[in-house]
N, C-alpha and C. Protein backbone atom coordinates (compact mmCIF):
# COMPACT_ATOMS: atom_id res chain seq x y z
N MET A 1 19.04 4.15 -40.99
CA MET A 1 18.97 5.74 -41.49
C MET A 1 20.04 6.61 -40.94
N LYS A 2 20.22 7.87 -41.99
CA LYS A 2 21.09 8.66 -41.49
C LYS A 2 20.36 9.97 -40.93
N ASN A 3 21.16 10.40 -39.72
CA ASN A 3 20.31 11.77 -38.95
C ASN A 3 20.77 12.93 -39.56
N VAL A 4 20.20 13.89 -40.00
CA VAL A 4 20.50 15.38 -40.52
C VAL A 4 19.84 16.26 -39.66
N LEU A 5 20.41 17.16 -38.82
CA LEU A 5 20.14 18.13 -37.80
C LEU A 5 20.39 19.28 -38.64
N CYS A 6 19.25 20.42 -38.88
CA CYS A 6 19.39 21.57 -39.38
C CYS A 6 19.31 22.78 -38.31
N PHE A 7 20.37 23.39 -38.04
CA PHE A 7 20.32 24.38 -36.70
C PHE A 7 20.27 25.69 -37.75
N GLY A 8 19.14 26.54 -37.22
CA GLY A 8 19.25 27.91 -37.77
C GLY A 8 18.25 28.73 -37.15
N ASP A 9 18.03 29.83 -37.98
CA ASP A 9 16.87 30.88 -37.26
C ASP A 9 15.45 30.52 -37.85
N SER A 10 15.13 32.02 -38.17
CA SER A 10 13.66 31.83 -38.66
C SER A 10 13.35 31.45 -39.89
N ASN A 11 14.39 31.41 -40.75
CA ASN A 11 14.50 31.02 -42.22
C ASN A 11 14.46 29.14 -42.17
N THR A 12 15.09 28.86 -40.81
CA THR A 12 14.96 27.36 -40.72
C THR A 12 13.62 27.32 -40.29
N TRP A 13 12.86 27.92 -39.45
CA TRP A 13 11.70 27.47 -38.75
C TRP A 13 10.53 28.08 -39.87
N GLY A 14 10.79 28.79 -41.02
CA GLY A 14 10.08 28.70 -41.65
C GLY A 14 8.91 30.29 -41.77
N PHE A 15 9.32 31.31 -41.31
CA PHE A 15 8.81 32.26 -41.25
C PHE A 15 8.19 32.99 -42.14
N ILE A 16 6.78 33.05 -42.70
CA ILE A 16 6.53 33.78 -43.70
C ILE A 16 6.67 35.29 -44.02
N PRO A 17 7.00 35.59 -45.03
CA PRO A 17 7.65 37.19 -45.06
C PRO A 17 6.31 38.37 -44.57
N GLU A 18 5.35 37.72 -45.45
CA GLU A 18 4.17 38.71 -45.16
C GLU A 18 3.49 38.92 -43.73
N SER A 19 4.01 37.99 -43.03
CA SER A 19 3.29 38.23 -41.65
C SER A 19 4.65 38.89 -40.64
N ILE A 20 5.51 39.57 -41.17
CA ILE A 20 6.39 40.19 -40.57
C ILE A 20 5.61 41.44 -39.58
N THR A 21 4.44 42.05 -40.25
CA THR A 21 3.65 42.94 -39.27
C THR A 21 2.67 42.35 -38.55
N ALA A 22 2.29 41.14 -38.72
CA ALA A 22 1.20 40.65 -37.81
C ALA A 22 1.59 40.72 -36.34
N PRO A 23 0.38 40.49 -35.62
CA PRO A 23 1.00 40.46 -34.03
C PRO A 23 1.92 38.96 -33.66
N PHE A 24 1.50 37.80 -34.49
CA PHE A 24 2.29 36.84 -34.33
C PHE A 24 3.10 36.11 -35.60
N PRO A 25 4.09 35.82 -35.78
CA PRO A 25 4.53 35.23 -37.15
C PRO A 25 3.76 33.94 -37.53
N GLU A 26 3.82 34.04 -39.07
CA GLU A 26 2.91 32.64 -39.44
C GLU A 26 4.05 31.75 -40.12
N ARG A 27 4.11 30.53 -40.12
CA ARG A 27 4.91 29.56 -40.57
C ARG A 27 4.43 28.86 -41.74
N HIS A 28 5.31 28.53 -42.66
CA HIS A 28 5.15 27.78 -43.84
C HIS A 28 4.90 26.59 -43.43
N PRO A 29 4.09 25.70 -44.00
CA PRO A 29 3.63 24.43 -43.88
C PRO A 29 4.88 23.63 -43.83
N TYR A 30 5.06 22.43 -43.31
CA TYR A 30 6.11 21.71 -43.49
C TYR A 30 6.45 21.23 -44.79
N ALA A 31 5.64 20.90 -45.59
CA ALA A 31 6.07 20.46 -47.15
C ALA A 31 6.68 21.62 -47.74
N VAL A 32 6.23 22.69 -47.54
CA VAL A 32 6.91 24.12 -48.12
C VAL A 32 8.29 24.42 -47.36
N ARG A 33 8.60 24.08 -46.45
CA ARG A 33 9.68 24.69 -45.86
C ARG A 33 10.96 24.01 -46.33
N TRP A 34 12.06 24.87 -46.33
CA TRP A 34 13.18 24.00 -47.16
C TRP A 34 13.84 22.81 -46.40
N THR A 35 13.54 22.61 -45.32
CA THR A 35 13.74 21.54 -44.34
C THR A 35 12.93 20.39 -45.05
N GLY A 36 11.52 20.51 -45.06
CA GLY A 36 10.60 19.73 -45.74
C GLY A 36 10.87 19.26 -46.85
N VAL A 37 11.45 20.36 -47.93
CA VAL A 37 11.91 19.79 -49.12
C VAL A 37 13.10 19.07 -49.18
N LEU A 38 14.01 19.17 -48.40
CA LEU A 38 14.94 18.50 -48.14
C LEU A 38 14.73 17.04 -47.90
N ALA A 39 13.80 16.79 -46.71
CA ALA A 39 13.61 15.43 -46.50
C ALA A 39 12.88 14.85 -47.84
N ARG A 40 12.26 15.46 -48.33
CA ARG A 40 11.41 14.74 -49.46
C ARG A 40 12.53 14.48 -50.27
N GLU A 41 13.52 15.25 -50.62
CA GLU A 41 14.30 14.89 -51.87
C GLU A 41 15.43 13.88 -51.34
N LEU A 42 15.67 13.90 -50.01
CA LEU A 42 16.90 12.67 -49.39
C LEU A 42 15.98 11.71 -49.60
N GLY A 43 14.73 11.34 -49.48
CA GLY A 43 14.10 10.16 -49.00
C GLY A 43 13.97 9.24 -47.57
N SER A 44 13.47 8.27 -47.71
CA SER A 44 13.57 7.46 -46.53
C SER A 44 14.63 6.94 -45.57
N ALA A 45 15.62 6.94 -46.52
CA ALA A 45 17.02 6.65 -45.70
C ALA A 45 17.82 7.97 -45.16
N PHE A 46 16.70 8.94 -44.81
CA PHE A 46 17.31 9.85 -43.85
C PHE A 46 16.19 10.67 -43.09
N ARG A 47 16.56 11.11 -42.01
CA ARG A 47 15.78 11.84 -40.96
C ARG A 47 16.17 12.89 -41.00
N VAL A 48 15.32 13.91 -41.52
CA VAL A 48 15.51 15.41 -41.16
C VAL A 48 15.19 16.02 -39.80
N LEU A 49 15.89 16.67 -38.99
CA LEU A 49 15.45 17.04 -37.66
C LEU A 49 15.34 18.67 -37.94
N GLU A 50 14.69 19.34 -37.60
CA GLU A 50 14.06 20.71 -37.75
C GLU A 50 14.68 21.38 -36.39
N GLU A 51 15.45 22.32 -36.27
CA GLU A 51 15.80 23.01 -34.94
C GLU A 51 16.08 24.64 -35.54
N GLY A 52 14.86 25.08 -35.87
CA GLY A 52 15.08 26.73 -36.30
C GLY A 52 14.16 27.51 -35.21
N GLN A 53 14.68 28.74 -34.94
CA GLN A 53 14.11 29.65 -33.79
C GLN A 53 14.44 30.95 -34.52
N ASN A 54 12.97 31.81 -34.54
CA ASN A 54 13.15 32.89 -34.59
C ASN A 54 13.98 33.61 -33.82
N GLY A 55 14.80 34.64 -34.29
CA GLY A 55 15.54 35.76 -33.46
C GLY A 55 16.73 35.01 -33.10
N ARG A 56 17.21 33.94 -33.61
CA ARG A 56 18.54 33.09 -32.85
C ARG A 56 19.40 33.87 -33.55
N THR A 57 20.61 33.90 -32.75
CA THR A 57 21.90 34.33 -32.94
C THR A 57 22.80 33.60 -32.87
N THR A 58 24.26 33.79 -33.36
CA THR A 58 25.19 32.75 -33.36
C THR A 58 25.82 32.39 -31.66
N VAL A 59 26.09 34.02 -31.23
CA VAL A 59 26.64 33.78 -29.94
C VAL A 59 26.25 34.84 -28.73
N HIS A 60 25.31 35.81 -29.49
CA HIS A 60 24.67 36.86 -28.40
C HIS A 60 23.37 36.57 -27.71
N ASP A 61 23.45 37.35 -26.82
CA ASP A 61 22.14 37.26 -25.86
C ASP A 61 21.19 38.30 -26.41
N ASP A 62 19.91 38.09 -26.77
CA ASP A 62 19.03 39.28 -27.58
C ASP A 62 18.52 39.95 -25.87
N PRO A 63 18.69 41.37 -25.92
CA PRO A 63 18.18 42.24 -24.86
C PRO A 63 16.83 42.25 -24.57
N PHE A 64 16.12 41.57 -25.69
CA PHE A 64 14.59 41.83 -25.83
C PHE A 64 13.90 40.84 -25.82
N ALA A 65 14.33 39.63 -25.90
CA ALA A 65 13.73 38.26 -25.97
C ALA A 65 14.92 37.25 -25.44
N ALA A 66 14.28 36.31 -24.70
CA ALA A 66 14.74 35.07 -24.03
C ALA A 66 15.29 33.91 -24.82
N VAL A 67 16.57 33.35 -24.42
CA VAL A 67 17.04 32.07 -24.96
C VAL A 67 17.09 32.14 -26.88
N ARG A 68 17.65 33.32 -27.09
CA ARG A 68 18.28 33.33 -28.40
C ARG A 68 19.50 32.98 -28.85
N ASN A 69 20.43 32.86 -27.80
CA ASN A 69 21.86 32.53 -28.20
C ASN A 69 22.14 31.05 -28.59
N GLY A 70 22.55 31.00 -29.78
CA GLY A 70 22.83 29.66 -30.36
C GLY A 70 23.59 28.82 -29.73
N LYS A 71 24.64 29.52 -29.43
CA LYS A 71 25.89 29.03 -28.26
C LYS A 71 25.43 28.63 -27.05
N ALA A 72 24.22 28.83 -26.84
CA ALA A 72 23.85 28.37 -25.30
C ALA A 72 22.86 27.28 -25.25
N VAL A 73 22.04 26.99 -26.40
CA VAL A 73 21.42 25.96 -26.52
C VAL A 73 22.04 24.67 -27.43
N LEU A 74 22.95 25.17 -28.40
CA LEU A 74 23.41 24.00 -29.14
C LEU A 74 24.06 22.95 -28.43
N PRO A 75 24.65 22.73 -27.38
CA PRO A 75 24.93 21.65 -26.78
C PRO A 75 23.91 20.77 -26.35
N ALA A 76 23.02 21.39 -25.86
CA ALA A 76 21.93 20.61 -25.40
C ALA A 76 20.96 19.77 -26.56
N ILE A 77 21.10 20.68 -27.81
CA ILE A 77 20.50 19.95 -28.93
C ILE A 77 21.07 18.98 -29.67
N LEU A 78 22.40 19.16 -29.66
CA LEU A 78 23.42 18.10 -30.22
C LEU A 78 23.29 16.77 -29.17
N GLU A 79 23.21 16.94 -27.95
CA GLU A 79 23.01 15.87 -26.95
C GLU A 79 21.29 15.14 -27.11
N SER A 80 20.46 15.67 -27.51
CA SER A 80 19.28 15.37 -27.68
C SER A 80 18.91 14.65 -28.65
N HIS A 81 19.69 14.79 -29.67
CA HIS A 81 19.54 14.21 -31.00
C HIS A 81 20.55 13.30 -31.67
N LYS A 82 21.73 13.14 -30.75
CA LYS A 82 22.55 12.23 -31.17
C LYS A 82 22.24 10.74 -31.28
N PRO A 83 22.67 9.75 -32.22
CA PRO A 83 23.81 10.33 -32.92
C PRO A 83 23.36 11.15 -34.44
N LEU A 84 24.30 11.78 -34.84
CA LEU A 84 24.00 12.51 -36.11
C LEU A 84 24.95 12.33 -36.72
N ASP A 85 24.49 12.27 -38.04
CA ASP A 85 25.62 12.07 -39.26
C ASP A 85 25.97 13.38 -39.75
N LEU A 86 25.18 14.36 -39.66
CA LEU A 86 25.57 15.77 -40.35
C LEU A 86 24.79 16.82 -39.57
N VAL A 87 25.14 17.91 -39.38
CA VAL A 87 24.29 19.06 -39.07
C VAL A 87 24.60 20.27 -40.03
N VAL A 88 23.67 20.89 -40.15
CA VAL A 88 23.59 21.94 -41.43
C VAL A 88 23.05 23.05 -40.55
N LEU A 89 24.48 24.06 -40.69
CA LEU A 89 24.46 25.18 -39.97
C LEU A 89 24.29 26.30 -40.57
N MET A 90 23.00 27.21 -40.69
CA MET A 90 22.82 28.42 -40.96
C MET A 90 22.28 29.31 -40.10
N LEU A 91 23.30 30.21 -39.66
CA LEU A 91 22.99 31.33 -38.64
C LEU A 91 23.70 32.66 -39.14
N GLY A 92 23.17 33.80 -38.58
CA GLY A 92 24.24 35.04 -38.98
C GLY A 92 23.39 36.29 -39.15
N THR A 93 22.37 36.11 -39.95
CA THR A 93 21.14 36.96 -40.08
C THR A 93 21.07 37.85 -39.00
N ASN A 94 20.42 37.44 -37.74
CA ASN A 94 20.28 38.31 -36.49
C ASN A 94 21.31 38.75 -36.13
N ASP A 95 22.45 38.53 -36.49
CA ASP A 95 23.74 39.17 -35.93
C ASP A 95 24.14 40.54 -36.81
N LEU A 96 23.25 40.76 -37.70
CA LEU A 96 23.44 41.95 -38.43
C LEU A 96 22.49 43.11 -37.64
N LYS A 97 21.76 42.63 -36.79
CA LYS A 97 20.90 44.04 -36.04
C LYS A 97 21.98 44.68 -35.49
N THR A 98 21.53 45.89 -35.48
CA THR A 98 22.44 47.07 -34.82
C THR A 98 22.90 46.87 -33.42
N VAL A 99 21.65 46.25 -32.68
CA VAL A 99 22.02 46.08 -31.21
C VAL A 99 23.23 45.34 -30.90
N TYR A 100 23.59 44.42 -31.80
CA TYR A 100 24.79 43.45 -31.25
C TYR A 100 26.03 44.21 -32.04
N GLY A 101 26.01 45.19 -32.88
CA GLY A 101 27.31 45.92 -33.33
C GLY A 101 28.44 44.84 -34.10
N SER A 102 28.18 43.79 -34.68
CA SER A 102 28.97 42.86 -35.06
C SER A 102 29.39 43.16 -36.49
N SER A 103 30.54 43.06 -36.89
CA SER A 103 30.95 43.31 -38.41
C SER A 103 30.82 41.89 -38.95
N PRO A 104 30.60 41.80 -40.49
CA PRO A 104 30.61 40.58 -41.10
C PRO A 104 31.69 39.56 -40.52
N GLY A 105 32.98 40.24 -40.41
CA GLY A 105 34.10 39.04 -39.89
C GLY A 105 33.56 38.59 -38.55
N GLU A 106 33.08 39.67 -37.68
CA GLU A 106 32.94 38.90 -36.69
C GLU A 106 31.59 38.05 -35.98
N ILE A 107 30.73 38.26 -37.28
CA ILE A 107 29.49 37.22 -37.43
C ILE A 107 30.26 35.88 -37.62
N ALA A 108 31.18 35.88 -38.55
CA ALA A 108 31.72 34.38 -38.98
C ALA A 108 32.44 34.07 -38.04
N MET A 109 32.97 34.74 -36.94
CA MET A 109 33.69 34.11 -36.04
C MET A 109 32.57 33.73 -34.99
N GLY A 110 31.57 34.05 -34.83
CA GLY A 110 30.35 33.52 -33.95
C GLY A 110 29.98 31.94 -34.86
N VAL A 111 29.76 32.14 -35.91
CA VAL A 111 29.73 30.98 -36.45
C VAL A 111 30.90 30.06 -36.41
N LYS A 112 32.17 30.41 -36.39
CA LYS A 112 33.22 29.38 -36.14
C LYS A 112 32.83 28.84 -34.62
N VAL A 113 32.47 29.75 -33.60
CA VAL A 113 32.45 28.97 -32.22
C VAL A 113 31.48 27.88 -32.57
N LEU A 114 30.27 28.06 -33.08
CA LEU A 114 29.15 26.98 -33.07
C LEU A 114 29.56 25.89 -34.20
N ALA A 115 30.46 26.07 -35.02
CA ALA A 115 31.04 25.13 -35.78
C ALA A 115 32.22 24.26 -34.98
N GLN A 116 32.93 24.94 -34.04
CA GLN A 116 33.67 24.18 -33.48
C GLN A 116 33.11 23.13 -32.50
N MET A 117 32.13 23.52 -31.92
CA MET A 117 31.45 22.92 -30.85
C MET A 117 30.98 21.76 -31.27
N ILE A 118 30.40 21.79 -32.87
CA ILE A 118 29.85 20.51 -33.61
C ILE A 118 30.86 19.54 -33.78
N LEU A 119 32.11 20.16 -34.44
CA LEU A 119 33.19 19.03 -34.79
C LEU A 119 34.02 18.77 -33.94
N ASN A 120 33.89 19.25 -32.44
CA ASN A 120 34.47 18.63 -31.51
C ASN A 120 33.49 17.94 -30.42
N SER A 121 32.46 17.78 -30.89
CA SER A 121 31.63 16.86 -29.99
C SER A 121 31.64 15.62 -30.31
N ASP A 122 30.70 14.76 -29.42
CA ASP A 122 30.74 13.46 -29.36
C ASP A 122 29.17 12.92 -29.93
N ALA A 123 28.82 13.85 -30.87
CA ALA A 123 27.26 13.72 -30.91
C ALA A 123 26.74 13.10 -32.44
N GLY A 124 28.20 12.46 -33.00
CA GLY A 124 27.91 11.72 -34.10
C GLY A 124 28.23 10.19 -34.01
N ILE A 125 28.27 9.65 -35.47
CA ILE A 125 28.43 7.97 -35.17
C ILE A 125 29.24 7.42 -34.25
N ASN A 126 29.44 6.78 -33.51
CA ASN A 126 30.23 5.85 -32.66
C ASN A 126 31.12 6.92 -31.58
N HIS A 127 30.06 8.02 -31.27
CA HIS A 127 30.71 9.33 -30.26
C HIS A 127 31.65 9.71 -30.91
N LEU A 128 31.93 10.06 -32.39
CA LEU A 128 32.63 10.85 -32.99
C LEU A 128 31.93 11.94 -33.46
N PRO A 129 32.43 13.02 -33.87
CA PRO A 129 31.94 14.31 -34.25
C PRO A 129 31.25 14.13 -35.41
N PRO A 130 29.89 14.76 -35.68
CA PRO A 130 29.14 14.57 -37.01
C PRO A 130 29.92 15.43 -37.99
N LYS A 131 29.41 14.97 -39.16
CA LYS A 131 29.95 16.04 -40.38
C LYS A 131 29.33 17.18 -40.16
N LEU A 132 29.84 18.47 -41.00
CA LEU A 132 29.27 19.42 -40.77
C LEU A 132 29.16 20.23 -42.30
N LEU A 133 27.61 20.96 -42.57
CA LEU A 133 27.63 21.71 -43.81
C LEU A 133 27.31 23.15 -43.47
N LEU A 134 28.00 23.87 -43.71
CA LEU A 134 27.83 25.14 -43.47
C LEU A 134 27.36 26.08 -44.58
N LEU A 135 26.04 26.85 -44.20
CA LEU A 135 25.20 27.44 -45.05
C LEU A 135 25.62 29.02 -44.92
N CYS A 136 25.76 29.90 -45.75
CA CYS A 136 25.92 31.18 -45.86
C CYS A 136 24.55 31.77 -45.71
N PRO A 137 23.89 32.67 -44.98
CA PRO A 137 22.54 32.93 -45.22
C PRO A 137 22.55 33.87 -46.17
N PRO A 138 20.98 34.04 -46.59
CA PRO A 138 20.82 35.12 -47.87
C PRO A 138 21.13 36.51 -47.46
N VAL A 139 21.08 37.32 -48.24
CA VAL A 139 21.34 38.50 -48.05
C VAL A 139 20.12 39.39 -47.67
N ILE A 140 20.42 40.61 -46.76
CA ILE A 140 19.06 41.12 -46.40
C ILE A 140 18.83 42.19 -47.60
N GLY A 141 17.50 42.08 -48.04
CA GLY A 141 16.96 42.95 -49.26
C GLY A 141 16.18 44.21 -48.85
N ASP A 142 15.70 44.88 -49.88
CA ASP A 142 14.97 46.26 -49.30
C ASP A 142 14.04 46.29 -48.34
N GLN A 143 13.85 47.16 -47.37
CA GLN A 143 13.12 47.24 -46.57
C GLN A 143 12.16 48.69 -46.34
N THR A 144 12.33 49.30 -47.55
CA THR A 144 11.62 50.88 -47.38
C THR A 144 10.22 50.80 -47.01
N ASP A 145 9.58 49.68 -47.41
CA ASP A 145 8.19 49.92 -46.58
C ASP A 145 8.29 49.22 -45.29
N LEU A 146 9.03 49.02 -44.67
CA LEU A 146 9.01 48.48 -43.39
C LEU A 146 10.01 49.30 -42.65
N PRO A 147 9.68 50.48 -42.26
CA PRO A 147 10.95 51.30 -41.63
C PRO A 147 11.03 50.72 -40.19
N ASP A 148 10.33 50.18 -39.56
CA ASP A 148 10.52 49.96 -38.13
C ASP A 148 11.43 48.80 -38.34
N ILE A 149 11.15 47.77 -39.16
CA ILE A 149 11.93 46.61 -39.33
C ILE A 149 13.70 47.26 -39.82
N ALA A 150 13.46 48.01 -40.71
CA ALA A 150 14.85 48.53 -41.35
C ALA A 150 15.37 48.84 -40.22
N ALA A 151 14.97 49.98 -39.26
CA ALA A 151 15.68 50.64 -38.20
C ALA A 151 16.47 49.56 -37.42
N LYS A 152 16.32 48.09 -37.52
CA LYS A 152 17.01 47.27 -36.76
C LYS A 152 18.02 46.53 -37.52
N PHE A 153 18.00 46.91 -38.66
CA PHE A 153 19.16 46.20 -39.79
C PHE A 153 19.76 47.59 -40.60
N PRO A 154 20.43 48.53 -40.00
CA PRO A 154 20.59 49.63 -40.83
C PRO A 154 21.59 49.63 -41.79
N ASN A 155 22.38 48.87 -41.65
CA ASN A 155 23.32 48.15 -42.39
C ASN A 155 23.50 47.13 -43.19
N ALA A 156 22.60 46.23 -43.07
CA ALA A 156 22.34 44.75 -43.29
C ALA A 156 22.44 44.43 -44.79
N GLN A 157 22.01 45.48 -45.55
CA GLN A 157 22.08 45.26 -47.05
C GLN A 157 23.26 45.05 -47.55
N ARG A 158 24.11 45.95 -47.01
CA ARG A 158 25.45 46.39 -47.20
C ARG A 158 26.45 44.80 -46.64
N ASP A 159 26.28 44.91 -45.30
CA ASP A 159 27.03 43.94 -44.90
C ASP A 159 26.74 42.38 -44.96
N SER A 160 25.52 42.02 -45.26
CA SER A 160 25.09 40.76 -45.33
C SER A 160 26.08 40.28 -46.65
N ARG A 161 26.21 40.97 -47.58
CA ARG A 161 26.82 40.96 -49.04
C ARG A 161 28.05 40.64 -48.72
N GLN A 162 28.63 40.87 -47.56
CA GLN A 162 29.90 40.53 -47.18
C GLN A 162 30.34 39.15 -46.45
N LEU A 163 29.23 38.58 -46.19
CA LEU A 163 29.45 37.20 -45.67
C LEU A 163 30.06 36.19 -46.11
N PRO A 164 29.64 35.96 -47.59
CA PRO A 164 30.23 34.78 -48.16
C PRO A 164 31.39 34.68 -48.25
N ARG A 165 32.22 35.62 -48.32
CA ARG A 165 33.67 35.31 -48.32
C ARG A 165 34.19 35.02 -46.94
N HIS A 166 33.57 35.76 -45.97
CA HIS A 166 34.08 35.04 -44.42
C HIS A 166 33.57 33.61 -44.25
N TYR A 167 32.28 33.39 -44.87
CA TYR A 167 31.90 31.69 -44.62
C TYR A 167 32.47 30.98 -45.60
N GLU A 168 32.79 31.16 -46.53
CA GLU A 168 33.70 30.37 -47.45
C GLU A 168 34.97 30.02 -46.79
N ALA A 169 35.69 30.95 -46.36
CA ALA A 169 37.21 31.11 -45.71
C ALA A 169 37.11 29.91 -44.70
N LEU A 170 35.87 30.52 -43.62
CA LEU A 170 35.66 29.44 -42.52
C LEU A 170 35.43 28.05 -42.68
N ALA A 171 34.68 27.79 -43.87
CA ALA A 171 34.43 26.38 -44.01
C ALA A 171 35.88 25.74 -44.76
N THR A 172 36.56 26.45 -45.47
CA THR A 172 37.88 26.09 -45.92
C THR A 172 38.57 25.43 -44.90
N SER A 173 39.01 26.40 -43.75
CA SER A 173 40.08 26.42 -42.73
C SER A 173 39.26 24.97 -42.06
N LEU A 174 37.72 24.72 -41.92
CA LEU A 174 37.45 23.63 -40.82
C LEU A 174 37.45 22.50 -42.06
N GLY A 175 37.71 22.52 -43.12
CA GLY A 175 37.42 21.48 -43.78
C GLY A 175 36.04 20.70 -43.99
N CYS A 176 34.95 21.47 -44.02
CA CYS A 176 33.41 21.17 -43.82
C CYS A 176 32.85 21.37 -45.04
N GLY A 177 31.82 20.96 -45.48
CA GLY A 177 31.08 21.47 -46.48
C GLY A 177 30.55 22.88 -46.61
N TYR A 178 30.25 23.40 -47.66
CA TYR A 178 29.83 24.83 -47.62
C TYR A 178 28.93 25.03 -48.66
N LEU A 179 27.77 26.10 -48.52
CA LEU A 179 26.84 26.48 -49.69
C LEU A 179 26.64 27.99 -49.34
N ASN A 180 26.73 28.65 -50.50
CA ASN A 180 26.40 30.23 -50.62
C ASN A 180 25.09 30.13 -50.73
N THR A 181 24.29 30.47 -49.96
CA THR A 181 22.49 30.49 -50.34
C THR A 181 22.56 31.84 -51.45
N GLN A 182 23.56 32.92 -51.09
CA GLN A 182 23.07 34.18 -51.73
C GLN A 182 23.22 34.15 -53.23
N SER A 183 23.94 32.84 -53.84
CA SER A 183 23.93 32.68 -55.21
C SER A 183 22.98 31.70 -55.65
N LEU A 184 22.03 31.66 -54.81
CA LEU A 184 20.71 30.87 -55.12
C LEU A 184 19.40 31.52 -54.93
N ILE A 185 19.28 32.35 -53.72
CA ILE A 185 17.86 32.83 -53.50
C ILE A 185 18.08 34.06 -53.00
N GLU A 186 16.82 35.02 -52.86
CA GLU A 186 16.69 36.19 -52.55
C GLU A 186 15.53 36.05 -51.30
N PRO A 187 15.54 37.19 -50.59
CA PRO A 187 14.56 37.16 -49.34
C PRO A 187 13.23 37.55 -50.07
N GLY A 188 11.91 37.47 -49.35
CA GLY A 188 10.91 37.56 -49.76
C GLY A 188 10.27 38.98 -49.50
N SER A 189 9.26 39.62 -49.40
CA SER A 189 8.89 40.93 -49.46
C SER A 189 9.44 41.89 -48.06
N ASP A 190 9.64 41.01 -46.97
CA ASP A 190 10.45 41.73 -46.14
C ASP A 190 11.59 41.95 -45.94
N GLY A 191 12.28 41.36 -46.82
CA GLY A 191 13.81 41.93 -47.07
C GLY A 191 14.47 40.90 -46.22
N ILE A 192 13.91 39.93 -45.59
CA ILE A 192 14.64 38.98 -44.46
C ILE A 192 14.36 37.49 -44.83
N HIS A 193 12.85 37.24 -44.74
CA HIS A 193 12.44 35.93 -44.81
C HIS A 193 12.36 35.38 -46.29
N LEU A 194 12.13 33.89 -46.63
CA LEU A 194 11.73 33.07 -47.73
C LEU A 194 10.70 33.10 -47.96
N ASP A 195 10.43 33.15 -49.37
CA ASP A 195 8.93 32.65 -49.81
C ASP A 195 9.14 31.48 -50.14
N ALA A 196 7.85 30.77 -50.83
CA ALA A 196 7.81 29.23 -51.16
C ALA A 196 8.80 29.01 -51.93
N ALA A 197 8.71 30.05 -53.10
CA ALA A 197 9.70 29.43 -54.18
C ALA A 197 11.28 29.42 -53.54
N ALA A 198 11.87 30.36 -52.71
CA ALA A 198 13.11 30.33 -52.29
C ALA A 198 13.38 28.99 -51.45
N HIS A 199 12.41 28.86 -50.71
CA HIS A 199 12.38 27.42 -49.97
C HIS A 199 12.51 26.29 -50.44
N ALA A 200 11.96 26.16 -51.89
CA ALA A 200 12.24 25.14 -52.84
C ALA A 200 13.73 25.03 -53.24
N LYS A 201 13.91 26.12 -53.91
CA LYS A 201 15.10 26.12 -54.16
C LYS A 201 16.47 25.79 -53.11
N LEU A 202 16.15 26.35 -52.13
CA LEU A 202 17.24 26.01 -50.82
C LEU A 202 16.98 24.52 -50.87
N GLY A 203 16.11 23.86 -50.52
CA GLY A 203 15.95 22.78 -50.06
C GLY A 203 16.57 21.40 -51.08
N SER A 204 16.25 21.93 -52.25
CA SER A 204 16.90 21.38 -53.41
C SER A 204 18.53 21.09 -53.46
N ALA A 205 18.98 22.34 -53.38
CA ALA A 205 20.32 22.64 -53.32
C ALA A 205 20.97 21.88 -52.06
N VAL A 206 20.45 22.16 -50.85
CA VAL A 206 20.90 21.58 -49.46
C VAL A 206 20.72 19.86 -49.76
N ALA A 207 19.85 19.43 -50.35
CA ALA A 207 20.00 18.13 -50.56
C ALA A 207 20.83 17.53 -51.74
N ALA A 208 21.23 18.46 -52.28
CA ALA A 208 22.49 18.06 -53.34
C ALA A 208 23.58 18.02 -52.78
N ALA A 209 23.91 19.00 -51.89
CA ALA A 209 25.16 19.21 -50.96
C ALA A 209 25.14 17.78 -49.88
N VAL A 210 24.10 17.48 -49.48
CA VAL A 210 24.22 16.53 -48.29
C VAL A 210 24.41 14.73 -48.92
N LYS A 211 23.73 14.78 -50.15
CA LYS A 211 24.10 13.59 -50.70
C LYS A 211 25.58 13.35 -51.19
N SER A 212 25.96 14.58 -51.67
CA SER A 212 27.56 14.58 -51.84
C SER A 212 28.48 14.50 -50.52
N ILE A 213 28.05 14.76 -49.44
CA ILE A 213 28.65 14.62 -47.96
C ILE A 213 28.39 13.11 -47.84
N LEU A 214 27.15 12.55 -47.46
CA LEU A 214 26.56 11.50 -47.19
C LEU A 214 26.08 10.55 -48.44
N PRO A 215 27.19 9.86 -49.32
CA PRO A 215 26.70 9.31 -50.06
C PRO A 215 25.91 8.01 -49.71
N ALA A 216 24.73 7.48 -50.37
CA ALA A 216 24.03 6.50 -50.08
C ALA A 216 25.01 5.28 -50.22
């Protein structure tokens, strides 16, 4: 059985867009989440391991919430799930928040730190590094009706559209797999999180990419 780790933020966790103003976020059911779709399409020869967290960044500590720094937790996650055949990495959306002050290029540098941690680890088969599939996250959409949320992401609609060229260049330099989700899907009603239809499209696209990297 091949082990595939999906390391990401709220869109890997399965945050329902309509719950953005609720006291607590609600989560899509497992079968709806893109990781669940991925598992179904890959079949019984694969095991998909979900590691999504709301608010997770690449390398930044959140001043308002504890333990959101992907760099800080990734080594433990790799250790706990090894041996891994492949890691699917999709982070960067939360780095667009104004509190971090990161440009699109700097966000890609944060992703590079995580990618190198994966590719230099012993978390793969026979204590070698696992393979890597890098996903550029979706664009940030219109948040006119959510001014409090929009205030956290004032330039994100513009800057999020600059991410694909940086992520693609990074994937090329690392020699890893790459998928631009912006060419496939758009966020739901809150301009950030994916609805069920987008999860279905993303899960299918990631399944195809995984099969090309890890042929049966």
